[in-house]
N, C-alpha and C. Protein backbone atom coordinates (compact mmCIF):
# COMPACT_ATOMS: atom_id res chain seq x y z
N UNK A 1 13.18 3.57 14.39
CA UNK A 1 13.22 3.95 16.07
C UNK A 1 14.64 4.24 16.20
N UNK A 2 14.62 4.98 17.31
CA UNK A 2 15.81 5.32 17.31
C UNK A 2 16.85 4.74 18.55
N UNK A 3 17.84 4.57 19.52
CA UNK A 3 18.63 3.29 20.46
C UNK A 3 18.02 3.86 21.41
N UNK A 4 17.52 5.74 21.82
CA UNK A 4 16.81 5.97 22.77
C UNK A 4 15.44 5.46 23.39
N UNK A 5 15.23 5.32 22.06
CA UNK A 5 13.47 4.48 22.37
C UNK A 5 13.64 3.24 22.50
N UNK A 6 14.23 2.47 22.34
CA UNK A 6 15.02 0.56 22.21
C UNK A 6 14.84 0.79 23.90
N UNK A 7 15.95 1.67 24.24
CA UNK A 7 16.34 1.88 25.71
C UNK A 7 15.68 1.85 26.68
N UNK A 8 14.62 2.79 26.49
CA UNK A 8 13.71 3.26 27.56
C UNK A 8 12.32 2.41 27.34
N UNK A 9 12.04 1.40 26.48
CA UNK A 9 11.18 -0.13 26.45
C UNK A 9 12.17 -1.35 26.98
N UNK A 10 13.49 -1.36 26.75
CA UNK A 10 14.09 -2.11 27.54
C UNK A 10 13.48 -2.13 29.24
N UNK A 11 14.06 -0.54 29.36
CA UNK A 11 14.07 -0.09 30.73
C UNK A 11 12.53 -0.34 31.36
N UNK A 12 11.59 0.30 30.67
CA UNK A 12 10.56 -0.23 31.23
C UNK A 12 9.76 -1.50 31.47
N UNK A 13 10.94 -2.56 30.70
CA UNK A 13 10.25 -4.02 31.04
C UNK A 13 11.08 -4.48 32.40
N UNK A 14 11.97 -3.59 32.69
CA UNK A 14 12.91 -4.11 33.88
C UNK A 14 13.75 -4.69 33.64
N UNK A 15 14.73 -4.07 32.28
CA UNK A 15 15.71 -4.55 32.28
C UNK A 15 17.06 -3.76 32.61
N UNK A 16 17.91 -4.00 32.75
CA UNK A 16 18.97 -2.90 33.12
C UNK A 16 20.43 -3.43 32.31
N UNK A 17 21.49 -2.35 32.28
CA UNK A 17 22.49 -2.95 31.39
C UNK A 17 23.76 -2.59 32.26
N UNK A 18 24.87 -3.25 32.12
CA UNK A 18 26.41 -2.80 32.73
C UNK A 18 27.14 -2.77 31.22
N UNK A 19 27.27 -1.84 31.23
CA UNK A 19 28.21 -1.79 29.96
C UNK A 19 27.41 -1.86 28.60
N UNK A 20 27.57 -2.97 27.83
CA UNK A 20 26.92 -3.49 26.73
C UNK A 20 26.20 -4.94 26.93
N UNK A 21 26.32 -4.96 27.90
CA UNK A 21 25.63 -5.89 28.15
C UNK A 21 24.38 -5.89 29.37
N UNK A 22 22.93 -6.28 28.80
CA UNK A 22 21.99 -6.15 29.22
C UNK A 22 21.06 -7.49 30.21
N UNK A 23 20.37 -7.14 30.83
CA UNK A 23 20.22 -8.19 31.91
C UNK A 23 18.74 -7.96 32.30
N UNK A 24 18.38 -9.20 32.66
CA UNK A 24 16.71 -9.12 33.22
C UNK A 24 16.70 -8.89 35.08
N UNK A 25 15.64 -8.79 35.68
CA UNK A 25 15.59 -9.02 36.78
C UNK A 25 14.98 -10.29 37.39
N UNK A 26 14.37 -10.93 36.29
CA UNK A 26 14.41 -12.16 36.71
C UNK A 26 14.88 -13.37 36.81
N UNK A 27 14.26 -14.25 37.67
CA UNK A 27 15.24 -15.58 38.64
C UNK A 27 15.77 -16.10 37.03
N UNK A 28 15.35 -16.74 36.28
CA UNK A 28 15.61 -17.60 35.18
C UNK A 28 16.01 -16.70 33.95
N UNK A 29 17.21 -16.09 34.02
CA UNK A 29 17.87 -15.56 32.94
C UNK A 29 18.05 -16.44 31.49
N UNK A 30 18.09 -17.58 31.65
CA UNK A 30 18.05 -18.24 30.08
C UNK A 30 17.02 -18.54 29.11
N UNK A 31 16.01 -18.84 30.30
CA UNK A 31 14.67 -18.73 29.20
C UNK A 31 14.04 -17.40 29.11
N UNK A 32 14.32 -16.60 30.45
CA UNK A 32 13.49 -15.23 30.37
C UNK A 32 13.85 -14.17 29.81
N UNK A 33 15.33 -14.30 29.45
CA UNK A 33 16.23 -13.03 28.92
C UNK A 33 15.98 -13.37 27.40
N UNK A 34 15.73 -14.58 26.84
CA UNK A 34 15.22 -14.92 25.29
C UNK A 34 13.62 -14.09 25.01
N UNK A 35 12.82 -14.35 26.00
CA UNK A 35 11.74 -14.13 25.90
C UNK A 35 11.58 -12.59 25.80
N UNK A 36 11.92 -11.94 26.92
CA UNK A 36 12.32 -10.97 26.83
C UNK A 36 12.62 -9.96 25.96
N UNK A 37 13.83 -10.49 25.60
CA UNK A 37 14.33 -9.47 24.44
C UNK A 37 13.52 -9.73 22.82
N UNK A 38 12.33 -10.84 22.76
CA UNK A 38 11.46 -11.05 21.80
C UNK A 38 10.47 -10.28 22.25
N UNK A 39 10.32 -9.65 23.64
CA UNK A 39 8.82 -9.04 23.36
C UNK A 39 9.43 -7.41 23.23
N UNK A 40 10.92 -7.42 23.48
CA UNK A 40 11.45 -6.12 23.17
C UNK A 40 11.25 -6.08 21.68
N UNK A 41 11.56 -6.48 21.10
CA UNK A 41 11.42 -6.70 19.43
C UNK A 41 10.09 -6.28 18.93
N UNK A 42 9.17 -7.21 19.59
CA UNK A 42 7.92 -6.98 19.27
C UNK A 42 7.48 -5.81 19.43
N UNK A 43 7.71 -5.13 20.49
CA UNK A 43 7.13 -3.77 21.25
C UNK A 43 7.43 -2.88 20.16
N UNK A 44 8.81 -2.81 19.76
CA UNK A 44 9.65 -1.97 18.93
C UNK A 44 8.89 -1.96 17.51
N UNK A 45 8.59 -3.07 17.09
CA UNK A 45 8.26 -3.17 15.89
C UNK A 45 6.36 -2.61 16.30
N UNK A 46 5.80 -2.86 17.14
CA UNK A 46 4.32 -2.22 17.09
C UNK A 46 4.20 -1.00 17.13
N UNK A 47 5.81 -0.49 18.00
CA UNK A 47 5.98 1.18 18.01
C UNK A 47 6.24 1.60 16.58
N UNK A 48 6.75 1.20 15.93
CA UNK A 48 7.24 1.98 14.51
C UNK A 48 5.88 2.07 13.64
N UNK A 49 5.28 0.80 13.79
CA UNK A 49 4.35 0.29 12.74
C UNK A 49 3.18 1.70 13.03
N UNK A 50 3.16 1.27 14.73
CA UNK A 50 1.44 2.56 14.80
C UNK A 50 1.83 4.07 13.76
N UNK A 51 3.39 4.25 14.54
CA UNK A 51 3.71 5.43 13.85
C UNK A 51 3.57 5.59 12.61
N UNK A 52 4.00 4.39 11.96
CA UNK A 52 3.94 4.76 10.36
C UNK A 52 2.65 5.06 9.76
N UNK A 53 1.64 4.20 10.53
CA UNK A 53 -0.01 4.11 10.40
C UNK A 53 -0.71 5.31 10.63
N UNK A 54 0.21 6.30 11.69
CA UNK A 54 -0.72 7.30 11.57
C UNK A 54 -0.52 8.56 10.76
N UNK A 55 0.56 8.26 9.85
CA UNK A 55 0.84 9.33 8.46
C UNK A 55 0.06 8.90 7.63
N UNK A 56 -0.19 7.49 7.53
CA UNK A 56 -1.25 7.36 6.69
C UNK A 56 -2.53 7.47 7.09
N UNK A 57 -3.03 7.62 8.12
CA UNK A 57 -4.28 7.96 8.54
C UNK A 57 -5.69 8.70 7.56
N UNK A 58 -6.84 7.75 7.57
CA UNK A 58 -7.36 8.05 6.66
C UNK A 58 -7.97 9.60 6.42
N UNK A 59 -8.11 10.43 5.86
CA UNK A 59 -8.43 11.88 5.89
C UNK A 59 -9.94 11.94 5.00
N UNK A 60 -11.14 12.55 5.37
CA UNK A 60 -12.00 13.11 4.72
C UNK A 60 -11.89 13.62 3.70
N UNK A 61 -12.37 13.75 2.25
CA UNK A 61 -12.08 14.34 1.00
C UNK A 61 -13.02 15.58 1.10
N UNK A 62 -12.43 16.86 1.17
CA UNK A 62 -13.47 17.79 0.49
C UNK A 62 -13.38 18.23 -0.98
N UNK A 63 -14.55 18.24 -0.83
CA UNK A 63 -14.89 18.32 -2.64
C UNK A 63 -15.22 19.76 -2.62
N UNK A 64 -15.59 20.11 -3.93
CA UNK A 64 -15.79 21.43 -4.40
C UNK A 64 -17.56 21.76 -3.97
N UNK A 65 -17.87 22.77 -3.92
CA UNK A 65 -19.11 23.28 -3.60
C UNK A 65 -19.47 24.53 -4.41
N UNK A 66 -20.96 24.95 -4.54
CA UNK A 66 -21.36 25.57 -5.88
C UNK A 66 -20.69 27.10 -5.68
N UNK A 67 -20.37 27.49 -4.26
CA UNK A 67 -19.89 28.91 -3.85
C UNK A 67 -18.24 29.30 -4.03
N UNK A 68 -17.38 27.94 -4.61
CA UNK A 68 -15.81 27.60 -4.41
C UNK A 68 -16.03 28.63 -6.11
N UNK A 69 -15.15 30.01 -5.88
CA UNK A 69 -14.97 30.16 -7.19
C UNK A 69 -13.66 29.83 -7.43
N UNK A 70 -13.62 29.53 -9.45
CA UNK A 70 -12.54 28.65 -9.80
C UNK A 70 -12.14 29.35 -10.82
N UNK A 71 -11.14 30.09 -10.42
CA UNK A 71 -10.19 31.04 -11.53
C UNK A 71 -10.04 30.57 -12.96
N UNK A 72 -10.84 30.93 -13.99
CA UNK A 72 -10.40 30.11 -15.26
C UNK A 72 -10.34 31.71 -16.58
N UNK A 73 -9.49 31.40 -17.34
CA UNK A 73 -8.99 32.39 -18.41
C UNK A 73 -9.86 32.15 -19.38
N UNK A 74 -10.86 31.37 -19.49
CA UNK A 74 -11.73 30.95 -20.66
C UNK A 74 -11.07 30.39 -21.87
N UNK A 75 -9.99 30.35 -21.87
CA UNK A 75 -9.41 29.88 -23.33
C UNK A 75 -9.31 28.41 -23.32
N UNK A 76 -9.28 27.60 -22.51
CA UNK A 76 -8.88 26.04 -22.91
C UNK A 76 -9.86 25.40 -22.00
N UNK A 77 -10.02 23.98 -21.97
CA UNK A 77 -10.09 23.20 -20.93
C UNK A 77 -9.35 22.95 -19.78
N UNK A 78 -8.17 22.70 -20.59
CA UNK A 78 -6.52 22.18 -19.75
C UNK A 78 -6.61 23.04 -18.95
N UNK A 79 -6.49 24.56 -19.03
CA UNK A 79 -6.71 25.38 -17.63
C UNK A 79 -7.62 25.58 -17.00
N UNK A 80 -8.67 25.13 -17.28
CA UNK A 80 -9.96 25.03 -16.17
C UNK A 80 -9.79 23.57 -15.14
N UNK A 81 -9.22 22.74 -16.26
CA UNK A 81 -8.61 21.54 -15.11
C UNK A 81 -7.60 21.97 -14.15
N UNK A 82 -6.85 22.44 -14.80
CA UNK A 82 -5.58 22.92 -13.94
C UNK A 82 -6.20 23.87 -12.58
N UNK A 83 -6.92 24.50 -12.89
CA UNK A 83 -7.66 25.59 -11.77
C UNK A 83 -8.37 24.66 -10.92
N UNK A 84 -9.24 23.61 -11.14
CA UNK A 84 -10.00 22.75 -10.43
C UNK A 84 -9.10 22.03 -9.62
N UNK A 85 -8.05 21.30 -9.94
CA UNK A 85 -7.32 20.85 -9.69
C UNK A 85 -6.42 21.56 -8.65
N UNK A 86 -5.83 22.80 -8.91
CA UNK A 86 -5.10 23.45 -7.79
C UNK A 86 -6.47 23.98 -6.57
N UNK A 87 -7.49 24.22 -6.99
CA UNK A 87 -8.29 24.24 -5.84
C UNK A 87 -8.57 23.49 -4.75
N UNK A 88 -8.90 22.04 -5.33
CA UNK A 88 -9.05 20.80 -4.39
C UNK A 88 -8.03 20.57 -3.83
N UNK A 89 -6.60 20.55 -4.42
CA UNK A 89 -5.59 20.64 -3.63
C UNK A 89 -5.17 21.66 -2.43
N UNK A 90 -5.86 23.03 -2.86
CA UNK A 90 -5.57 23.92 -1.40
C UNK A 90 -6.78 23.50 -0.50
N UNK A 91 -7.75 23.23 -0.96
CA UNK A 91 -9.00 22.39 0.15
C UNK A 91 -8.47 21.39 1.26
N UNK A 92 -7.63 20.57 0.42
CA UNK A 92 -7.65 19.01 0.89
C UNK A 92 -5.98 19.12 1.62
N UNK A 93 -5.29 20.32 1.81
CA UNK A 93 -3.94 20.24 2.47
C UNK A 93 -3.06 19.29 1.69
N UNK A 94 -2.69 19.56 -0.07
CA UNK A 94 -1.85 19.28 -0.47
C UNK A 94 -0.82 20.38 -0.90
């Protein structure tokens, strides 16, 4: 998470800063400021976790069909297995 994203979250919560010091616009600074900061950190963590989860979103596996052509030199099973692997990677975006 970038500093700008954290600042944007703080500002969206009604916080403002004077130099390096952040203030809350609520009347009870002592209790609420601590709470605001905890909420800020939790929102930052949630946002980062969502971003990470999107990277690992479940994809539907695409298998081979009868009409898929698999190039094979006819020499050995190892080269045929490699050809199958390459075709599956191609179909599944790897």
